[in-house]
Amino acid sequence: MSSTTALGGVYEPDDVAIVASVFSRIAVEPWFTATDEERDNFARYILRMYRQGTVLSEPLERLCRATAFAHFSKKGASNCRPSDSDR
C-alpha cells in the first residue's frame, strides 16, 4: 500500500482491509450509533482520514475511535467510554 495510491482513490486489497478492520472494531462498540446514515458517514470519515495519510492501522483506529465516540455515539450513551481492548 502506498498513500499515493490511496490519495488517487484507488484502493489495494491491503488498503481496504485496514479501513474495513478499523470500521468493524469500532462499529461493535455498545456506544456506537445504530443508524445507517451515521454509520455511512463514519465510514466516509475513515476513508477521508486514510486518504489524508493516516494509513497505519493503530493510529487510524485511535483517531477514528475518538471521533466516533465524540460524534457518532448513540444518544444517552454518555456514561460509556471507548474500549481500549483493541489497542
Protein backbone atom coordinates (compact mmCIF):
# COMPACT_ATOMS: atom_id res chain seq x y z
CA MET A 1 0.00 0.00 0.00
CA SER A 2 1.12 3.50 -0.64
CA SER A 3 -0.51 6.71 0.45
CA THR A 4 -0.10 7.95 -3.13
CA THR A 5 -2.34 5.15 -4.34
CA ALA A 6 -4.88 5.91 -1.61
CA LEU A 7 -4.85 9.62 -2.43
CA GLY A 8 -5.72 8.82 -6.01
CA GLY A 9 -8.82 6.95 -4.95
CA VAL A 10 -7.57 3.54 -5.99
CA TYR A 11 -7.51 1.08 -3.11
CA GLU A 12 -5.43 -2.04 -2.99
CA PRO A 13 -6.73 -5.06 -1.04
CA ASP A 14 -4.47 -4.15 1.91
CA ASP A 15 -5.95 -0.63 1.98
CA VAL A 16 -9.49 -1.99 2.07
CA ALA A 17 -8.55 -4.48 4.79
CA ILE A 18 -7.16 -1.73 7.06
CA VAL A 19 -10.16 0.57 6.61
CA ALA A 20 -12.69 -2.26 6.99
CA SER A 21 -10.95 -3.60 10.07
CA VAL A 22 -10.95 -0.20 11.78
CA PHE A 23 -14.64 0.28 10.98
CA SER A 24 -15.56 -3.23 12.18
CA ARG A 25 -13.74 -2.93 15.51
CA ILE A 26 -15.36 0.42 16.31
CA ALA A 27 -18.82 -0.44 14.97
CA VAL A 28 -19.30 -3.24 17.53
CA GLU A 29 -18.89 -0.88 20.50
CA PRO A 30 -22.10 -0.59 22.53
CA TRP A 31 -21.97 3.21 22.38
CA PHE A 32 -21.57 3.37 18.59
CA THR A 33 -24.51 4.69 16.57
CA ALA A 34 -27.07 2.28 15.21
CA THR A 35 -28.37 4.46 12.36
CA ASP A 36 -27.37 3.53 8.84
CA GLU A 37 -26.85 7.16 7.82
CA GLU A 38 -24.42 7.86 10.66
CA ARG A 39 -22.58 4.58 10.06
CA ASP A 40 -22.19 5.54 6.40
CA ASN A 41 -20.92 8.99 7.41
CA PHE A 42 -18.43 7.40 9.78
CA ALA A 43 -17.20 5.00 7.08
CA ARG A 44 -16.63 8.01 4.80
CA TYR A 45 -14.74 9.73 7.63
CA ILE A 46 -12.41 6.73 7.99
CA LEU A 47 -11.74 6.76 4.24
CA ARG A 48 -11.06 10.50 4.32
CA MET A 49 -8.54 10.10 7.17
CA TYR A 50 -6.91 7.25 5.27
CA ARG A 51 -6.67 9.33 2.08
CA GLN A 52 -5.17 12.18 4.08
CA GLY A 53 -2.29 9.95 5.15
CA THR A 54 -3.27 8.12 8.34
CA VAL A 55 -2.59 4.76 6.72
CA LEU A 56 -1.31 2.66 9.62
CA SER A 57 -3.99 0.63 11.37
CA GLU A 58 -3.31 1.57 15.01
CA PRO A 59 -3.05 5.35 14.59
CA LEU A 60 -6.05 5.30 12.24
CA GLU A 61 -8.10 3.38 14.78
CA ARG A 62 -7.11 5.67 17.66
CA LEU A 63 -8.08 8.76 15.68
CA CYS A 64 -11.32 7.28 14.39
CA ARG A 65 -12.32 5.79 17.75
CA ALA A 66 -12.02 9.19 19.43
CA THR A 67 -14.02 10.83 16.64
CA ALA A 68 -16.63 8.08 16.71
CA PHE A 69 -17.12 8.49 20.43
CA ALA A 70 -17.38 12.27 20.13
CA HIS A 71 -19.59 12.43 17.03
CA PHE A 72 -21.12 9.01 16.33
CA SER A 73 -22.29 7.84 19.76
CA LYS A 74 -25.82 6.71 20.48
CA LYS A 75 -27.96 9.21 22.28
CA GLY A 76 -27.90 8.51 26.02
CA ALA A 77 -24.60 6.64 25.85
CA SER A 78 -22.66 9.39 27.59
CA ASN A 79 -21.76 7.14 30.52
CA CYS A 80 -19.96 4.68 28.23
CA ARG A 81 -16.32 5.03 27.33
CA PRO A 82 -14.48 3.78 24.25
CA SER A 83 -12.98 0.36 24.72
CA ASP A 84 -9.21 0.02 24.95
CA SER A 85 -9.41 -3.72 24.30
CA ASP A 86 -8.16 -3.41 20.71
CA ARG A 87 -5.19 -1.21 21.47
